[in-house]
């Protein structure tokens, strides 16, 4: 029963992370550490498959496969949240770049028009 509480807390924390976190060097470091720990856990479970069942029983889940499914669900949701935040950040950057490009082109066009007017007003 307490493992269900842990899963609910994990999902609430993922939601808070979605709302509050800002990407940066610390964010990237945390992602790398989580990835490394996940890989090590995966290798451990592959080498000693009975360990997952023992861990599942320890936390109050019936089978190791069920525990693996719950953890995969949380990891999948965390991945989706990360990708969503990344997508929003990239969309904002693209919007900013597009605005800057349009403003730069407008300034350039105005400057060219000014220079052409000066050239045309100059006597030969």
C-alpha atoms as a PDB file:
ATOM      1  CA  UNK A   1       0.000   0.000   0.000  1.00  0.00           C
ATOM      2  CA  UNK A   2       2.791   2.423   0.798  1.00  0.00           C
ATOM      3  CA  UNK A   3       4.332   1.902  -2.638  1.00  0.00           C
ATOM      4  CA  UNK A   4       1.145   3.265  -4.187  1.00  0.00           C
ATOM      5  CA  UNK A   5       1.659   6.381  -2.105  1.00  0.00           C
ATOM      6  CA  UNK A   6       5.239   6.618  -3.399  1.00  0.00           C
ATOM      7  CA  UNK A   7       3.979   6.356  -6.994  1.00  0.00           C
ATOM      8  CA  UNK A   8       1.352   9.048  -6.425  1.00  0.00           C
ATOM      9  CA  UNK A   9       3.972  11.318  -4.864  1.00  0.00           C
ATOM     10  CA  UNK A  10       6.254  10.659  -7.854  1.00  0.00           C
ATOM     11  CA  UNK A  11       3.494  11.673 -10.247  1.00  0.00           C
ATOM     12  CA  UNK A  12       2.761  14.822  -8.230  1.00  0.00           C
ATOM     13  CA  UNK A  13       6.466  15.694  -8.282  1.00  0.00           C
ATOM     14  CA  UNK A  14       6.534  15.199 -12.058  1.00  0.00           C
ATOM     15  CA  UNK A  15       3.610  17.612 -12.337  1.00  0.00           C
ATOM     16  CA  UNK A  16       5.400  20.159 -10.136  1.00  0.00           C
ATOM     17  CA  UNK A  17       8.529  19.705 -12.225  1.00  0.00           C
ATOM     18  CA  UNK A  18       6.498  20.425 -15.346  1.00  0.00           C
ATOM     19  CA  UNK A  19       5.254  23.677 -13.870  1.00  0.00           C
ATOM     20  CA  UNK A  20       8.345  24.945 -12.068  1.00  0.00           C
ATOM     21  CA  UNK A  21      11.590  23.781 -13.651  1.00  0.00           C
ATOM     22  CA  UNK A  22      13.649  25.810 -16.047  1.00  0.00           C
ATOM     23  CA  UNK A  23      16.159  24.064 -18.327  1.00  0.00           C
ATOM     24  CA  UNK A  24      19.781  24.761 -17.567  1.00  0.00           C
ATOM     25  CA  UNK A  25      23.081  23.111 -16.640  1.00  0.00           C
ATOM     26  CA  UNK A  26      21.679  21.711 -13.376  1.00  0.00           C
ATOM     27  CA  UNK A  27      18.720  20.234 -15.252  1.00  0.00           C
ATOM     28  CA  UNK A  28      21.063  18.540 -17.719  1.00  0.00           C
ATOM     29  CA  UNK A  29      23.205  17.143 -14.887  1.00  0.00           C
ATOM     30  CA  UNK A  30      20.144  15.678 -13.150  1.00  0.00           C
ATOM     31  CA  UNK A  31      19.006  14.071 -16.420  1.00  0.00           C
ATOM     32  CA  UNK A  32      22.433  12.475 -16.886  1.00  0.00           C
ATOM     33  CA  UNK A  33      22.515  11.114 -13.337  1.00  0.00           C
ATOM     34  CA  UNK A  34      18.994   9.681 -13.682  1.00  0.00           C
ATOM     35  CA  UNK A  35      19.969   8.072 -16.985  1.00  0.00           C
ATOM     36  CA  UNK A  36      23.121   6.548 -15.482  1.00  0.00           C
ATOM     37  CA  UNK A  37      21.237   5.174 -12.454  1.00  0.00           C
ATOM     38  CA  UNK A  38      18.533   3.748 -14.750  1.00  0.00           C
ATOM     39  CA  UNK A  39      21.114   2.014 -16.919  1.00  0.00           C
ATOM     40  CA  UNK A  40      22.866   0.540 -13.891  1.00  0.00           C
ATOM     41  CA  UNK A  41      19.542  -0.670 -12.475  1.00  0.00           C
ATOM     42  CA  UNK A  42      18.661  -2.236 -15.840  1.00  0.00           C
ATOM     43  CA  UNK A  43      21.960  -4.115 -16.014  1.00  0.00           C
ATOM     44  CA  UNK A  44      21.529  -5.285 -12.417  1.00  0.00           C
ATOM     45  CA  UNK A  45      18.004  -6.611 -13.087  1.00  0.00           C
ATOM     46  CA  UNK A  46      19.185  -8.378 -16.250  1.00  0.00           C
ATOM     47  CA  UNK A  47      22.023 -10.104 -14.408  1.00  0.00           C
ATOM     48  CA  UNK A  48      19.956 -10.966 -11.307  1.00  0.00           C
ATOM     49  CA  UNK A  49      16.270 -11.155 -12.386  1.00  0.00           C
ATOM     50  CA  UNK A  50      15.129 -12.570  -9.032  1.00  0.00           C
ATOM     51  CA  UNK A  51      16.266  -9.358  -7.384  1.00  0.00           C
ATOM     52  CA  UNK A  52      13.396  -7.447  -8.982  1.00  0.00           C
ATOM     53  CA  UNK A  53      10.828  -9.868  -7.535  1.00  0.00           C
ATOM     54  CA  UNK A  54      12.416  -9.585  -4.100  1.00  0.00           C
ATOM     55  CA  UNK A  55      12.381  -5.813  -4.346  1.00  0.00           C
ATOM     56  CA  UNK A  56       8.735  -5.895  -5.459  1.00  0.00           C
ATOM     57  CA  UNK A  57       7.751  -7.970  -2.437  1.00  0.00           C
ATOM     58  CA  UNK A  58       9.768  -5.676  -0.195  1.00  0.00           C
ATOM     59  CA  UNK A  59       7.809  -2.609  -1.362  1.00  0.00           C
ATOM     60  CA  UNK A  60       4.452  -4.391  -1.311  1.00  0.00           C
ATOM     61  CA  UNK A  61       3.940  -5.142  -4.997  1.00  0.00           C
ATOM     62  CA  UNK A  62       3.030  -8.698  -5.960  1.00  0.00           C
ATOM     63  CA  UNK A  63       5.471  -9.421  -8.797  1.00  0.00           C
ATOM     64  CA  UNK A  64       8.652  -7.970 -10.178  1.00  0.00           C
ATOM     65  CA  UNK A  65       6.964  -7.418 -13.546  1.00  0.00           C
ATOM     66  CA  UNK A  66       4.315  -5.254 -11.890  1.00  0.00           C
ATOM     67  CA  UNK A  67       6.987  -3.179 -10.173  1.00  0.00           C
ATOM     68  CA  UNK A  68       8.833  -2.804 -13.454  1.00  0.00           C
ATOM     69  CA  UNK A  69       5.616  -1.673 -15.159  1.00  0.00           C
ATOM     70  CA  UNK A  70       4.897   0.956 -12.487  1.00  0.00           C
ATOM     71  CA  UNK A  71       8.430   2.302 -12.657  1.00  0.00           C
ATOM     72  CA  UNK A  72       8.308   2.339 -16.458  1.00  0.00           C
ATOM     73  CA  UNK A  73       5.052   4.279 -16.285  1.00  0.00           C
ATOM     74  CA  UNK A  74       6.601   6.932 -14.055  1.00  0.00           C
ATOM     75  CA  UNK A  75       9.739   7.067 -16.228  1.00  0.00           C
ATOM     76  CA  UNK A  76       7.650   7.360 -19.378  1.00  0.00           C
ATOM     77  CA  UNK A  77       5.629  10.230 -17.961  1.00  0.00           C
ATOM     78  CA  UNK A  78       8.811  11.971 -16.880  1.00  0.00           C
ATOM     79  CA  UNK A  79      10.170  11.590 -20.412  1.00  0.00           C
ATOM     80  CA  UNK A  80       6.989  13.015 -21.929  1.00  0.00           C
ATOM     81  CA  UNK A  81       7.123  15.989 -19.553  1.00  0.00           C
ATOM     82  CA  UNK A  82      10.771  16.636 -20.449  1.00  0.00           C
ATOM     83  CA  UNK A  83      10.052  16.494 -24.167  1.00  0.00           C
ATOM     84  CA  UNK A  84       7.028  18.771 -23.796  1.00  0.00           C
ATOM     85  CA  UNK A  85       9.084  21.372 -21.939  1.00  0.00           C
ATOM     86  CA  UNK A  86      11.841  21.098 -24.547  1.00  0.00           C
ATOM     87  CA  UNK A  87       9.312  21.523 -27.339  1.00  0.00           C
ATOM     88  CA  UNK A  88       7.860  24.648 -25.731  1.00  0.00           C
ATOM     89  CA  UNK A  89      11.342  26.089 -25.228  1.00  0.00           C
ATOM     90  CA  UNK A  90      12.280  25.454 -28.870  1.00  0.00           C
ATOM     91  CA  UNK A  91       9.001  26.966 -30.104  1.00  0.00           C
ATOM     92  CA  UNK A  92       9.680  30.112 -28.092  1.00  0.00           C
ATOM     93  CA  UNK A  93      13.225  30.327 -29.443  1.00  0.00           C
ATOM     94  CA  UNK A  94      11.942  29.922 -33.018  1.00  0.00           C
ATOM     95  CA  UNK A  95       9.355  32.647 -32.466  1.00  0.00           C
ATOM     96  CA  UNK A  96      12.017  34.976 -31.099  1.00  0.00           C
ATOM     97  CA  UNK A  97      14.334  34.267 -34.023  1.00  0.00           C
ATOM     98  CA  UNK A  98      11.558  34.791 -36.565  1.00  0.00           C
ATOM     99  CA  UNK A  99      10.689  38.156 -35.009  1.00  0.00           C
ATOM    100  CA  UNK A 100      14.318  39.238 -35.019  1.00  0.00           C
ATOM    101  CA  UNK A 101      14.679  38.195 -38.654  1.00  0.00           C
ATOM    102  CA  UNK A 102      11.610  40.177 -39.722  1.00  0.00           C
ATOM    103  CA  UNK A 103      12.783  43.268 -37.809  1.00  0.00           C
ATOM    104  CA  UNK A 104      16.278  43.002 -39.292  1.00  0.00           C
ATOM    105  CA  UNK A 105      14.897  42.696 -42.815  1.00  0.00           C
ATOM    106  CA  UNK A 106      12.673  45.741 -42.226  1.00  0.00           C
ATOM    107  CA  UNK A 107      15.636  47.784 -40.959  1.00  0.00           C
ATOM    108  CA  UNK A 108      17.733  46.685 -43.912  1.00  0.00           C
ATOM    109  CA  UNK A 109      15.000  47.607 -46.383  1.00  0.00           C
ATOM    110  CA  UNK A 110      14.609  51.035 -44.747  1.00  0.00           C
ATOM    111  CA  UNK A 111      18.367  51.634 -44.882  1.00  0.00           C
ATOM    112  CA  UNK A 112      18.564  50.600 -48.542  1.00  0.00           C
ATOM    113  CA  UNK A 113      15.685  52.947 -49.350  1.00  0.00           C
ATOM    114  CA  UNK A 114      17.475  55.801 -47.530  1.00  0.00           C
ATOM    115  CA  UNK A 115      20.725  55.186 -49.395  1.00  0.00           C
ATOM    116  CA  UNK A 116      18.951  54.980 -52.747  1.00  0.00           C
ATOM    117  CA  UNK A 117      17.164  58.277 -52.024  1.00  0.00           C
ATOM    118  CA  UNK A 118      20.501  59.945 -51.198  1.00  0.00           C
ATOM    119  CA  UNK A 119      22.024  58.560 -54.384  1.00  0.00           C
ATOM    120  CA  UNK A 120      19.128  59.841 -56.493  1.00  0.00           C
ATOM    121  CA  UNK A 121      19.243  63.315 -54.890  1.00  0.00           C
ATOM    122  CA  UNK A 122      22.960  63.746 -55.534  1.00  0.00           C
ATOM    123  CA  UNK A 123      23.767  65.713 -58.693  1.00  0.00           C
ATOM    124  CA  UNK A 124      25.920  64.050 -61.333  1.00  0.00           C
END
